[in-house]
Amino acid sequence: MARKGMGGMPGGMDMNALLKQAQQMQTDMMQAQEALKDEEVEASAGGGMVKVTITGDLAIKDVVIDPDAVDPEDVDMLADMVQAAVNEAIRSAQELAASKMPDMPGMPGMGGPGLPGG
């Protein structure tokens, strides 16, 4: 019975080429993640009364609250506006990250077709 060596993968795939491609994808991904640290997005809530700035790697850089939004009788509304602005900023940063990440086959949201059942 004949045995195939390490390089003999089905369909003529070369294991070394596959490993090299995986390493390149990992390098590209790390570079994209590093670049996201320098990107910023801003979101607001309450008609601009609360503004949040966040980096592409999801670090909050700034929160600005208009003094008119501070009502001691309605602290819950201010909390809701802060929460809404932060959530919108996170969503925007995630969209930015998805647009900057290199295409990766089989990875949903990364430019590939996605995995079955995912």
PDB file of N, CA and C in Angstrom:
ATOM      1  N   MET A   1       0.857  -1.176   0.000  1.00  0.00           N
ATOM      2  CA  MET A   1       0.000   0.000   0.000  1.00  0.00           C
ATOM      3  C   MET A   1       0.903   1.238   0.000  1.00  0.00           C
ATOM      4  N   ALA A   2       0.683   2.148  -0.929  1.00  0.00           N
ATOM      5  CA  ALA A   2       1.496   3.360  -1.047  1.00  0.00           C
ATOM      6  C   ALA A   2       1.011   4.399  -0.054  1.00  0.00           C
ATOM      7  N   ARG A   3       1.985   5.090   0.550  1.00  0.00           N
ATOM      8  CA  ARG A   3       1.643   6.151   1.505  1.00  0.00           C
ATOM      9  C   ARG A   3       2.102   7.492   0.961  1.00  0.00           C
ATOM     10  N   LYS A   4       1.303   8.492   1.208  1.00  0.00           N
ATOM     11  CA  LYS A   4       1.662   9.833   0.775  1.00  0.00           C
ATOM     12  C   LYS A   4       2.488  10.493   1.873  1.00  0.00           C
ATOM     13  N   GLY A   5       3.441  11.313   1.470  1.00  0.00           N
ATOM     14  CA  GLY A   5       4.239  12.072   2.423  1.00  0.00           C
ATOM     15  C   GLY A   5       3.445  13.258   2.940  1.00  0.00           C
ATOM     16  N   MET A   6       4.075  14.061   3.784  1.00  0.00           N
ATOM     17  CA  MET A   6       3.412  15.226   4.385  1.00  0.00           C
ATOM     18  C   MET A   6       2.897  16.206   3.344  1.00  0.00           C
ATOM     19  N   GLY A   7       3.611  16.313   2.203  1.00  0.00           N
ATOM     20  CA  GLY A   7       3.200  17.268   1.182  1.00  0.00           C
ATOM     21  C   GLY A   7       2.085  16.753   0.298  1.00  0.00           C
ATOM     22  N   GLY A   8       1.721  15.495   0.406  1.00  0.00           N
ATOM     23  CA  GLY A   8       0.720  14.908  -0.473  1.00  0.00           C
ATOM     24  C   GLY A   8      -0.676  15.065   0.067  1.00  0.00           C
ATOM     25  N   MET A   9      -1.247  16.232  -0.081  1.00  0.00           N
ATOM     26  CA  MET A   9      -2.610  16.464   0.394  1.00  0.00           C
ATOM     27  C   MET A   9      -3.591  16.249  -0.750  1.00  0.00           C
ATOM     28  N   PRO A  10      -4.813  15.901  -0.433  1.00  0.00           N
ATOM     29  CA  PRO A  10      -5.817  15.689  -1.477  1.00  0.00           C
ATOM     30  C   PRO A  10      -5.955  16.910  -2.372  1.00  0.00           C
ATOM     31  N   GLY A  11      -6.186  16.661  -3.631  1.00  0.00           N
ATOM     32  CA  GLY A  11      -6.399  17.755  -4.570  1.00  0.00           C
ATOM     33  C   GLY A  11      -5.109  18.453  -4.979  1.00  0.00           C
ATOM     34  N   GLY A  12      -3.964  17.876  -4.660  1.00  0.00           N
ATOM     35  CA  GLY A  12      -2.701  18.455  -5.054  1.00  0.00           C
ATOM     36  C   GLY A  12      -2.295  19.678  -4.233  1.00  0.00           C
ATOM     37  N   MET A  13      -2.925  19.888  -3.068  1.00  0.00           N
ATOM     38  CA  MET A  13      -2.604  21.034  -2.220  1.00  0.00           C
ATOM     39  C   MET A  13      -1.241  20.838  -1.578  1.00  0.00           C
ATOM     40  N   ASP A  14      -0.425  21.855  -1.582  1.00  0.00           N
ATOM     41  CA  ASP A  14       0.897  21.808  -0.984  1.00  0.00           C
ATOM     42  C   ASP A  14       0.803  22.339   0.440  1.00  0.00           C
ATOM     43  N   MET A  15       1.188  21.529   1.427  1.00  0.00           N
ATOM     44  CA  MET A  15       1.087  21.904   2.835  1.00  0.00           C
ATOM     45  C   MET A  15       1.936  23.142   3.136  1.00  0.00           C
ATOM     46  N   ASN A  16       3.125  23.239   2.559  1.00  0.00           N
ATOM     47  CA  ASN A  16       3.977  24.399   2.803  1.00  0.00           C
ATOM     48  C   ASN A  16       3.332  25.680   2.277  1.00  0.00           C
ATOM     49  N   ALA A  17       2.724  25.598   1.107  1.00  0.00           N
ATOM     50  CA  ALA A  17       2.055  26.769   0.541  1.00  0.00           C
ATOM     51  C   ALA A  17       0.867  27.163   1.409  1.00  0.00           C
ATOM     52  N   LEU A  18       0.161  26.180   1.912  1.00  0.00           N
ATOM     53  CA  LEU A  18      -0.992  26.442   2.778  1.00  0.00           C
ATOM     54  C   LEU A  18      -0.546  27.105   4.082  1.00  0.00           C
ATOM     55  N   LEU A  19       0.544  26.619   4.681  1.00  0.00           N
ATOM     56  CA  LEU A  19       1.066  27.219   5.904  1.00  0.00           C
ATOM     57  C   LEU A  19       1.555  28.643   5.653  1.00  0.00           C
ATOM     58  N   LYS A  20       2.205  28.848   4.523  1.00  0.00           N
ATOM     59  CA  LYS A  20       2.690  30.185   4.182  1.00  0.00           C
ATOM     60  C   LYS A  20       1.513  31.151   4.025  1.00  0.00           C
ATOM     61  N   GLN A  21       0.452  30.687   3.381  1.00  0.00           N
ATOM     62  CA  GLN A  21      -0.735  31.516   3.200  1.00  0.00           C
ATOM     63  C   GLN A  21      -1.371  31.844   4.555  1.00  0.00           C
ATOM     64  N   ALA A  22      -1.433  30.872   5.454  1.00  0.00           N
ATOM     65  CA  ALA A  22      -2.005  31.097   6.785  1.00  0.00           C
ATOM     66  C   ALA A  22      -1.168  32.105   7.570  1.00  0.00           C
ATOM     67  N   GLN A  23       0.152  31.998   7.470  1.00  0.00           N
ATOM     68  CA  GLN A  23       1.026  32.945   8.158  1.00  0.00           C
ATOM     69  C   GLN A  23       0.849  34.355   7.601  1.00  0.00           C
ATOM     70  N   GLN A  24       0.705  34.469   6.286  1.00  0.00           N
ATOM     71  CA  GLN A  24       0.505  35.787   5.674  1.00  0.00           C
ATOM     72  C   GLN A  24      -0.825  36.388   6.121  1.00  0.00           C
ATOM     73  N   MET A  25      -1.862  35.550   6.197  1.00  0.00           N
ATOM     74  CA  MET A  25      -3.166  36.028   6.649  1.00  0.00           C
ATOM     75  C   MET A  25      -3.081  36.517   8.098  1.00  0.00           C
ATOM     76  N   GLN A  26      -2.332  35.787   8.927  1.00  0.00           N
ATOM     77  CA  GLN A  26      -2.170  36.177  10.323  1.00  0.00           C
ATOM     78  C   GLN A  26      -1.431  37.516  10.415  1.00  0.00           C
ATOM     79  N   THR A  27      -0.388  37.685   9.617  1.00  0.00           N
ATOM     80  CA  THR A  27       0.361  38.940   9.597  1.00  0.00           C
ATOM     81  C   THR A  27      -0.529  40.088   9.150  1.00  0.00           C
ATOM     82  N   ASP A  28      -1.296  39.869   8.087  1.00  0.00           N
ATOM     83  CA  ASP A  28      -2.209  40.907   7.585  1.00  0.00           C
ATOM     84  C   ASP A  28      -3.243  41.284   8.641  1.00  0.00           C
ATOM     85  N   MET A  29      -3.767  40.292   9.347  1.00  0.00           N
ATOM     86  CA  MET A  29      -4.768  40.527  10.384  1.00  0.00           C
ATOM     87  C   MET A  29      -4.169  41.344  11.525  1.00  0.00           C
ATOM     88  N   MET A  30      -2.951  41.003  11.945  1.00  0.00           N
ATOM     89  CA  MET A  30      -2.308  41.734  13.035  1.00  0.00           C
ATOM     90  C   MET A  30      -2.031  43.184  12.631  1.00  0.00           C
ATOM     91  N   GLN A  31      -1.616  43.393  11.388  1.00  0.00           N
ATOM     92  CA  GLN A  31      -1.367  44.753  10.915  1.00  0.00           C
ATOM     93  C   GLN A  31      -2.666  45.559  10.877  1.00  0.00           C
ATOM     94  N   ALA A  32      -3.737  44.943  10.436  1.00  0.00           N
ATOM     95  CA  ALA A  32      -5.035  45.625  10.386  1.00  0.00           C
ATOM     96  C   ALA A  32      -5.508  45.974  11.792  1.00  0.00           C
ATOM     97  N   GLN A  33      -5.316  45.060  12.752  1.00  0.00           N
ATOM     98  CA  GLN A  33      -5.721  45.323  14.126  1.00  0.00           C
ATOM     99  C   GLN A  33      -4.908  46.466  14.726  1.00  0.00           C
ATOM    100  N   GLU A  34      -3.614  46.513  14.435  1.00  0.00           N
ATOM    101  CA  GLU A  34      -2.772  47.607  14.921  1.00  0.00           C
ATOM    102  C   GLU A  34      -3.233  48.945  14.347  1.00  0.00           C
ATOM    103  N   ALA A  35      -3.561  48.951  13.058  1.00  0.00           N
ATOM    104  CA  ALA A  35      -3.999  50.179  12.406  1.00  0.00           C
ATOM    105  C   ALA A  35      -5.314  50.688  13.000  1.00  0.00           C
ATOM    106  N   LEU A  36      -6.166  49.770  13.459  1.00  0.00           N
ATOM    107  CA  LEU A  36      -7.454  50.166  14.035  1.00  0.00           C
ATOM    108  C   LEU A  36      -7.284  50.968  15.321  1.00  0.00           C
ATOM    109  N   LYS A  37      -6.169  50.780  16.017  1.00  0.00           N
ATOM    110  CA  LYS A  37      -5.934  51.532  17.253  1.00  0.00           C
ATOM    111  C   LYS A  37      -5.844  53.031  16.983  1.00  0.00           C
ATOM    112  N   ASP A  38      -5.441  53.397  15.765  1.00  0.00           N
ATOM    113  CA  ASP A  38      -5.279  54.802  15.407  1.00  0.00           C
ATOM    114  C   ASP A  38      -6.530  55.413  14.777  1.00  0.00           C
ATOM    115  N   GLU A  39      -7.498  54.579  14.426  1.00  0.00           N
ATOM    116  CA  GLU A  39      -8.743  55.059  13.820  1.00  0.00           C
ATOM    117  C   GLU A  39      -9.730  55.409  14.938  1.00  0.00           C
ATOM    118  N   GLU A  40     -10.519  56.448  14.718  1.00  0.00           N
ATOM    119  CA  GLU A  40     -11.535  56.833  15.694  1.00  0.00           C
ATOM    120  C   GLU A  40     -12.873  57.069  15.004  1.00  0.00           C
ATOM    121  N   VAL A  41     -13.936  56.761  15.724  1.00  0.00           N
ATOM    122  CA  VAL A  41     -15.291  57.072  15.263  1.00  0.00           C
ATOM    123  C   VAL A  41     -16.001  57.798  16.400  1.00  0.00           C
ATOM    124  N   GLU A  42     -16.979  58.607  16.029  1.00  0.00           N
ATOM    125  CA  GLU A  42     -17.743  59.353  17.031  1.00  0.00           C
ATOM    126  C   GLU A  42     -19.224  59.045  16.842  1.00  0.00           C
ATOM    127  N   ALA A  43     -19.921  58.937  17.937  1.00  0.00           N
ATOM    128  CA  ALA A  43     -21.373  58.736  17.895  1.00  0.00           C
ATOM    129  C   ALA A  43     -21.991  59.655  18.934  1.00  0.00           C
ATOM    130  N   SER A  44     -23.258  59.979  18.702  1.00  0.00           N
ATOM    131  CA  SER A  44     -23.940  60.865  19.656  1.00  0.00           C
ATOM    132  C   SER A  44     -25.350  60.375  19.913  1.00  0.00           C
ATOM    133  N   ALA A  45     -25.933  60.916  20.976  1.00  0.00           N
ATOM    134  CA  ALA A  45     -27.319  60.592  21.335  1.00  0.00           C
ATOM    135  C   ALA A  45     -27.947  61.852  21.912  1.00  0.00           C
ATOM    136  N   GLY A  46     -29.265  61.848  21.955  1.00  0.00           N
ATOM    137  CA  GLY A  46     -29.982  62.986  22.518  1.00  0.00           C
ATOM    138  C   GLY A  46     -29.780  64.249  21.709  1.00  0.00           C
ATOM    139  N   GLY A  47     -29.753  64.100  20.390  1.00  0.00           N
ATOM    140  CA  GLY A  47     -29.576  65.267  19.531  1.00  0.00           C
ATOM    141  C   GLY A  47     -28.211  65.911  19.696  1.00  0.00           C
ATOM    142  N   GLY A  48     -27.208  65.103  20.021  1.00  0.00           N
ATOM    143  CA  GLY A  48     -25.846  65.613  20.176  1.00  0.00           C
ATOM    144  C   GLY A  48     -25.515  66.035  21.598  1.00  0.00           C
ATOM    145  N   MET A  49     -26.431  65.784  22.533  1.00  0.00           N
ATOM    146  CA  MET A  49     -26.169  66.177  23.921  1.00  0.00           C
ATOM    147  C   MET A  49     -25.108  65.294  24.575  1.00  0.00           C
ATOM    148  N   VAL A  50     -24.958  64.062  24.080  1.00  0.00           N
ATOM    149  CA  VAL A  50     -23.917  63.159  24.558  1.00  0.00           C
ATOM    150  C   VAL A  50     -23.156  62.666  23.342  1.00  0.00           C
ATOM    151  N   LYS A  51     -21.826  62.832  23.364  1.00  0.00           N
ATOM    152  CA  LYS A  51     -20.977  62.377  22.266  1.00  0.00           C
ATOM    153  C   LYS A  51     -19.900  61.462  22.824  1.00  0.00           C
ATOM    154  N   VAL A  52     -19.668  60.355  22.108  1.00  0.00           N
ATOM    155  CA  VAL A  52     -18.661  59.382  22.512  1.00  0.00           C
ATOM    156  C   VAL A  52     -17.711  59.167  21.337  1.00  0.00           C
ATOM    157  N   THR A  53     -16.412  59.209  21.625  1.00  0.00           N
ATOM    158  CA  THR A  53     -15.396  58.910  20.627  1.00  0.00           C
ATOM    159  C   THR A  53     -14.722  57.611  21.058  1.00  0.00           C
ATOM    160  N   ILE A  54     -14.586  56.685  20.100  1.00  0.00           N
ATOM    161  CA  ILE A  54     -14.034  55.360  20.386  1.00  0.00           C
ATOM    162  C   ILE A  54     -13.051  54.998  19.278  1.00  0.00           C
ATOM    163  N   THR A  55     -12.028  54.239  19.635  1.00  0.00           N
ATOM    164  CA  THR A  55     -11.059  53.806  18.629  1.00  0.00           C
ATOM    165  C   THR A  55     -11.575  52.560  17.918  1.00  0.00           C
ATOM    166  N   GLY A  56     -10.911  52.235  16.824  1.00  0.00           N
ATOM    167  CA  GLY A  56     -11.295  51.048  16.061  1.00  0.00           C
ATOM    168  C   GLY A  56     -11.098  49.754  16.823  1.00  0.00           C
ATOM    169  N   ASP A  57     -10.268  49.781  17.884  1.00  0.00           N
ATOM    170  CA  ASP A  57     -10.103  48.574  18.698  1.00  0.00           C
ATOM    171  C   ASP A  57     -10.937  48.647  19.985  1.00  0.00           C
ATOM    172  N   LEU A  58     -11.988  49.480  19.946  1.00  0.00           N
ATOM    173  CA  LEU A  58     -13.028  49.572  20.976  1.00  0.00           C
ATOM    174  C   LEU A  58     -12.569  50.170  22.304  1.00  0.00           C
ATOM    175  N   ALA A  59     -11.631  51.096  22.267  1.00  0.00           N
ATOM    176  CA  ALA A  59     -11.243  51.823  23.478  1.00  0.00           C
ATOM    177  C   ALA A  59     -11.926  53.190  23.454  1.00  0.00           C
ATOM    178  N   ILE A  60     -12.666  53.507  24.501  1.00  0.00           N
ATOM    179  CA  ILE A  60     -13.341  54.805  24.566  1.00  0.00           C
ATOM    180  C   ILE A  60     -12.287  55.879  24.819  1.00  0.00           C
ATOM    181  N   LYS A  61     -12.257  56.873  23.928  1.00  0.00           N
ATOM    182  CA  LYS A  61     -11.272  57.952  24.016  1.00  0.00           C
ATOM    183  C   LYS A  61     -11.849  59.194  24.683  1.00  0.00           C
ATOM    184  N   ASP A  62     -13.146  59.453  24.474  1.00  0.00           N
ATOM    185  CA  ASP A  62     -13.713  60.692  24.971  1.00  0.00           C
ATOM    186  C   ASP A  62     -15.218  60.549  25.132  1.00  0.00           C
ATOM    187  N   VAL A  63     -15.733  61.158  26.185  1.00  0.00           N
ATOM    188  CA  VAL A  63     -17.172  61.272  26.402  1.00  0.00           C
ATOM    189  C   VAL A  63     -17.445  62.739  26.699  1.00  0.00           C
ATOM    190  N   VAL A  64     -18.303  63.353  25.898  1.00  0.00           N
ATOM    191  CA  VAL A  64     -18.652  64.758  26.090  1.00  0.00           C
ATOM    192  C   VAL A  64     -20.149  64.836  26.379  1.00  0.00           C
ATOM    193  N   ILE A  65     -20.481  65.504  27.487  1.00  0.00           N
ATOM    194  CA  ILE A  65     -21.885  65.655  27.884  1.00  0.00           C
ATOM    195  C   ILE A  65     -22.197  67.144  27.939  1.00  0.00           C
ATOM    196  N   ASP A  66     -23.177  67.545  27.154  1.00  0.00           N
ATOM    197  CA  ASP A  66     -23.631  68.938  27.160  1.00  0.00           C
ATOM    198  C   ASP A  66     -24.205  69.236  28.552  1.00  0.00           C
ATOM    199  N   PRO A  67     -23.818  70.355  29.146  1.00  0.00           N
ATOM    200  CA  PRO A  67     -24.338  70.699  30.480  1.00  0.00           C
ATOM    201  C   PRO A  67     -25.866  70.724  30.550  1.00  0.00           C
ATOM    202  N   ASP A  68     -26.519  71.035  29.428  1.00  0.00           N
ATOM    203  CA  ASP A  68     -27.983  71.046  29.420  1.00  0.00           C
ATOM    204  C   ASP A  68     -28.581  69.649  29.589  1.00  0.00           C
ATOM    205  N   ALA A  69     -27.761  68.613  29.370  1.00  0.00           N
ATOM    206  CA  ALA A  69     -28.249  67.237  29.507  1.00  0.00           C
ATOM    207  C   ALA A  69     -28.262  66.791  30.965  1.00  0.00           C
ATOM    208  N   VAL A  70     -27.614  67.569  31.825  1.00  0.00           N
ATOM    209  CA  VAL A  70     -27.512  67.196  33.235  1.00  0.00           C
ATOM    210  C   VAL A  70     -28.703  67.775  33.995  1.00  0.00           C
ATOM    211  N   ASP A  71     -29.643  66.891  34.286  1.00  0.00           N
ATOM    212  CA  ASP A  71     -30.842  67.274  35.036  1.00  0.00           C
ATOM    213  C   ASP A  71     -30.905  66.386  36.278  1.00  0.00           C
ATOM    214  N   PRO A  72     -30.653  66.956  37.458  1.00  0.00           N
ATOM    215  CA  PRO A  72     -30.659  66.139  38.676  1.00  0.00           C
ATOM    216  C   PRO A  72     -31.973  65.399  38.904  1.00  0.00           C
ATOM    217  N   GLU A  73     -33.033  65.893  38.293  1.00  0.00           N
ATOM    218  CA  GLU A  73     -34.341  65.251  38.449  1.00  0.00           C
ATOM    219  C   GLU A  73     -34.533  64.085  37.486  1.00  0.00           C
ATOM    220  N   ASP A  74     -33.648  63.961  36.475  1.00  0.00           N
ATOM    221  CA  ASP A  74     -33.807  62.907  35.479  1.00  0.00           C
ATOM    222  C   ASP A  74     -32.447  62.307  35.090  1.00  0.00           C
ATOM    223  N   VAL A  75     -31.773  61.770  36.070  1.00  0.00           N
ATOM    224  CA  VAL A  75     -30.466  61.151  35.847  1.00  0.00           C
ATOM    225  C   VAL A  75     -30.598  59.932  34.934  1.00  0.00           C
ATOM    226  N   ASP A  76     -31.734  59.243  35.010  1.00  0.00           N
ATOM    227  CA  ASP A  76     -31.933  58.063  34.166  1.00  0.00           C
ATOM    228  C   ASP A  76     -31.869  58.404  32.684  1.00  0.00           C
ATOM    229  N   MET A  77     -32.416  59.557  32.309  1.00  0.00           N
ATOM    230  CA  MET A  77     -32.373  59.948  30.896  1.00  0.00           C
ATOM    231  C   MET A  77     -30.926  60.179  30.446  1.00  0.00           C
ATOM    232  N   LEU A  78     -30.115  60.803  31.277  1.00  0.00           N
ATOM    233  CA  LEU A  78     -28.707  61.013  30.943  1.00  0.00           C
ATOM    234  C   LEU A  78     -27.989  59.675  30.797  1.00  0.00           C
ATOM    235  N   ALA A  79     -28.252  58.766  31.710  1.00  0.00           N
ATOM    236  CA  ALA A  79     -27.644  57.434  31.634  1.00  0.00           C
ATOM    237  C   ALA A  79     -28.051  56.730  30.336  1.00  0.00           C
ATOM    238  N   ASP A  80     -29.310  56.855  29.953  1.00  0.00           N
ATOM    239  CA  ASP A  80     -29.791  56.245  28.709  1.00  0.00           C
ATOM    240  C   ASP A  80     -29.084  56.847  27.495  1.00  0.00           C
ATOM    241  N   MET A  81     -28.871  58.175  27.502  1.00  0.00           N
ATOM    242  CA  MET A  81     -28.187  58.822  26.375  1.00  0.00           C
ATOM    243  C   MET A  81     -26.729  58.372  26.295  1.00  0.00           C
ATOM    244  N   VAL A  82     -26.068  58.254  27.441  1.00  0.00           N
ATOM    245  CA  VAL A  82     -24.676  57.786  27.450  1.00  0.00           C
ATOM    246  C   VAL A  82     -24.618  56.361  26.914  1.00  0.00           C
ATOM    247  N   GLN A  83     -25.510  55.514  27.391  1.00  0.00           N
ATOM    248  CA  GLN A  83     -25.543  54.122  26.931  1.00  0.00           C
ATOM    249  C   GLN A  83     -25.792  54.053  25.423  1.00  0.00           C
ATOM    250  N   ALA A  84     -26.739  54.838  24.928  1.00  0.00           N
ATOM    251  CA  ALA A  84     -27.056  54.828  23.501  1.00  0.00           C
ATOM    252  C   ALA A  84     -25.863  55.304  22.676  1.00  0.00           C
ATOM    253  N   ALA A  85     -25.181  56.346  23.134  1.00  0.00           N
ATOM    254  CA  ALA A  85     -24.028  56.868  22.397  1.00  0.00           C
ATOM    255  C   ALA A  85     -22.879  55.856  22.386  1.00  0.00           C
ATOM    256  N   VAL A  86     -22.633  55.209  23.518  1.00  0.00           N
ATOM    257  CA  VAL A  86     -21.571  54.201  23.586  1.00  0.00           C
ATOM    258  C   VAL A  86     -21.902  53.022  22.678  1.00  0.00           C
ATOM    259  N   ASN A  87     -23.121  52.538  22.726  1.00  0.00           N
ATOM    260  CA  ASN A  87     -23.510  51.409  21.876  1.00  0.00           C
ATOM    261  C   ASN A  87     -23.394  51.756  20.391  1.00  0.00           C
ATOM    262  N   GLU A  88     -23.788  52.953  20.022  1.00  0.00           N
ATOM    263  CA  GLU A  88     -23.674  53.378  18.621  1.00  0.00           C
ATOM    264  C   GLU A  88     -22.212  53.505  18.222  1.00  0.00           C
ATOM    265  N   ALA A  89     -21.384  54.023  19.117  1.00  0.00           N
ATOM    266  CA  ALA A  89     -19.950  54.139  18.820  1.00  0.00           C
ATOM    267  C   ALA A  89     -19.325  52.757  18.629  1.00  0.00           C
ATOM    268  N   ILE A  90     -19.690  51.809  19.466  1.00  0.00           N
ATOM    269  CA  ILE A  90     -19.173  50.434  19.335  1.00  0.00           C
ATOM    270  C   ILE A  90     -19.603  49.848  17.996  1.00  0.00           C
ATOM    271  N   ARG A  91     -20.880  50.027  17.638  1.00  0.00           N
ATOM    272  CA  ARG A  91     -21.368  49.507  16.358  1.00  0.00           C
ATOM    273  C   ARG A  91     -20.577  50.113  15.200  1.00  0.00           C
ATOM    274  N   SER A  92     -20.348  51.420  15.255  1.00  0.00           N
ATOM    275  CA  SER A  92     -19.601  52.098  14.195  1.00  0.00           C
ATOM    276  C   SER A  92     -18.160  51.602  14.132  1.00  0.00           C
ATOM    277  N   ALA A  93     -17.542  51.398  15.292  1.00  0.00           N
ATOM    278  CA  ALA A  93     -16.161  50.903  15.330  1.00  0.00           C
ATOM    279  C   ALA A  93     -16.082  49.479  14.780  1.00  0.00           C
ATOM    280  N   GLN A  94     -17.085  48.663  15.063  1.00  0.00           N
ATOM    281  CA  GLN A  94     -17.109  47.301  14.532  1.00  0.00           C
ATOM    282  C   GLN A  94     -17.259  47.307  13.014  1.00  0.00           C
ATOM    283  N   GLU A  95     -18.081  48.225  12.498  1.00  0.00           N
ATOM    284  CA  GLU A  95     -18.214  48.353  11.043  1.00  0.00           C
ATOM    285  C   GLU A  95     -16.892  48.801  10.425  1.00  0.00           C
ATOM    286  N   LEU A  96     -16.215  49.733  11.085  1.00  0.00           N
ATOM    287  CA  LEU A  96     -14.908  50.187  10.618  1.00  0.00           C
ATOM    288  C   LEU A  96     -13.928  49.023  10.595  1.00  0.00           C
ATOM    289  N   ALA A  97     -13.899  48.248  11.665  1.00  0.00           N
ATOM    290  CA  ALA A  97     -12.988  47.099  11.746  1.00  0.00           C
ATOM    291  C   ALA A  97     -13.278  46.094  10.634  1.00  0.00           C
ATOM    292  N   ALA A  98     -14.558  45.813  10.401  1.00  0.00           N
ATOM    293  CA  ALA A  98     -14.919  44.855   9.357  1.00  0.00           C
ATOM    294  C   ALA A  98     -14.482  45.355   7.979  1.00  0.00           C
ATOM    295  N   SER A  99     -14.538  46.671   7.769  1.00  0.00           N
ATOM    296  CA  SER A  99     -14.155  47.218   6.472  1.00  0.00           C
ATOM    297  C   SER A  99     -12.642  47.237   6.287  1.00  0.00           C
ATOM    298  N   LYS A 100     -11.883  47.226   7.380  1.00  0.00           N
ATOM    299  CA  LYS A 100     -10.424  47.303   7.305  1.00  0.00           C
ATOM    300  C   LYS A 100      -9.743  45.943   7.348  1.00  0.00           C
ATOM    301  N   MET A 101     -10.436  44.918   7.820  1.00  0.00           N
ATOM    302  CA  MET A 101      -9.826  43.602   7.950  1.00  0.00           C
ATOM    303  C   MET A 101      -9.610  42.986   6.568  1.00  0.00           C
ATOM    304  N   PRO A 102      -8.493  42.278   6.412  1.00  0.00           N
ATOM    305  CA  PRO A 102      -8.232  41.623   5.129  1.00  0.00           C
ATOM    306  C   PRO A 102      -9.262  40.531   4.871  1.00  0.00           C
ATOM    307  N   ASP A 103      -9.528  40.280   3.589  1.00  0.00           N
ATOM    308  CA  ASP A 103     -10.473  39.219   3.234  1.00  0.00           C
ATOM    309  C   ASP A 103      -9.933  37.886   3.724  1.00  0.00           C
ATOM    310  N   MET A 104     -10.791  37.163   4.426  1.00  0.00           N
ATOM    311  CA  MET A 104     -10.416  35.854   4.935  1.00  0.00           C
ATOM    312  C   MET A 104     -11.507  34.864   4.559  1.00  0.00           C
ATOM    313  N   PRO A 105     -11.224  33.969   3.636  1.00  0.00           N
ATOM    314  CA  PRO A 105     -12.237  32.996   3.240  1.00  0.00           C
ATOM    315  C   PRO A 105     -12.747  32.207   4.438  1.00  0.00           C
ATOM    316  N   GLY A 106     -14.057  32.035   4.498  1.00  0.00           N
ATOM    317  CA  GLY A 106     -14.652  31.228   5.545  1.00  0.00           C
ATOM    318  C   GLY A 106     -14.875  31.954   6.855  1.00  0.00           C
ATOM    319  N   MET A 107     -14.593  33.266   6.909  1.00  0.00           N
ATOM    320  CA  MET A 107     -14.774  34.013   8.143  1.00  0.00           C
ATOM    321  C   MET A 107     -15.889  35.033   7.953  1.00  0.00           C
ATOM    322  N   PRO A 108     -17.035  34.820   8.577  1.00  0.00           N
ATOM    323  CA  PRO A 108     -18.136  35.764   8.426  1.00  0.00           C
ATOM    324  C   PRO A 108     -17.703  37.164   8.847  1.00  0.00           C
ATOM    325  N   GLY A 109     -18.098  38.163   8.064  1.00  0.00           N
ATOM    326  CA  GLY A 109     -17.763  39.531   8.387  1.00  0.00           C
ATOM    327  C   GLY A 109     -16.344  39.918   8.033  1.00  0.00           C
ATOM    328  N   MET A 110     -15.579  38.992   7.478  1.00  0.00           N
ATOM    329  CA  MET A 110     -14.191  39.261   7.141  1.00  0.00           C
ATOM    330  C   MET A 110     -13.980  39.188   5.630  1.00  0.00           C
ATOM    331  N   GLY A 111     -15.034  39.328   4.869  1.00  0.00           N
ATOM    332  CA  GLY A 111     -14.903  39.350   3.428  1.00  0.00           C
ATOM    333  C   GLY A 111     -15.090  37.988   2.783  1.00  0.00           C
ATOM    334  N   GLY A 112     -15.160  36.951   3.570  1.00  0.00           N
ATOM    335  CA  GLY A 112     -15.334  35.602   3.020  1.00  0.00           C
ATOM    336  C   GLY A 112     -16.798  35.220   2.984  1.00  0.00           C
ATOM    337  N   PRO A 113     -17.112  34.080   2.393  1.00  0.00           N
ATOM    338  CA  PRO A 113     -18.512  33.645   2.275  1.00  0.00           C
ATOM    339  C   PRO A 113     -19.097  33.150   3.569  1.00  0.00           C
ATOM    340  N   GLY A 114     -18.280  32.893   4.594  1.00  0.00           N
ATOM    341  CA  GLY A 114     -18.819  32.400   5.859  1.00  0.00           C
ATOM    342  C   GLY A 114     -18.755  30.905   5.933  1.00  0.00           C
ATOM    343  N   LEU A 115     -18.886  30.388   7.117  1.00  0.00           N
ATOM    344  CA  LEU A 115     -18.862  28.956   7.335  1.00  0.00           C
ATOM    345  C   LEU A 115     -20.286  28.419   7.268  1.00  0.00           C
ATOM    346  N   PRO A 116     -20.441  27.183   6.830  1.00  0.00           N
ATOM    347  CA  PRO A 116     -21.789  26.613   6.809  1.00  0.00           C
ATOM    348  C   PRO A 116     -22.396  26.607   8.208  1.00  0.00           C
ATOM    349  N   GLY A 117     -23.636  26.973   8.281  1.00  0.00           N
ATOM    350  CA  GLY A 117     -24.340  26.964   9.555  1.00  0.00           C
ATOM    351  C   GLY A 117     -24.006  28.164  10.420  1.00  0.00           C
ATOM    352  N   GLY A 118     -23.209  29.116   9.904  1.00  0.00           N
ATOM    353  CA  GLY A 118     -22.785  30.242  10.724  1.00  0.00           C
ATOM    354  C   GLY A 118     -23.491  31.510  10.410  1.00  0.00           C
TER     355      GLY A 118
END
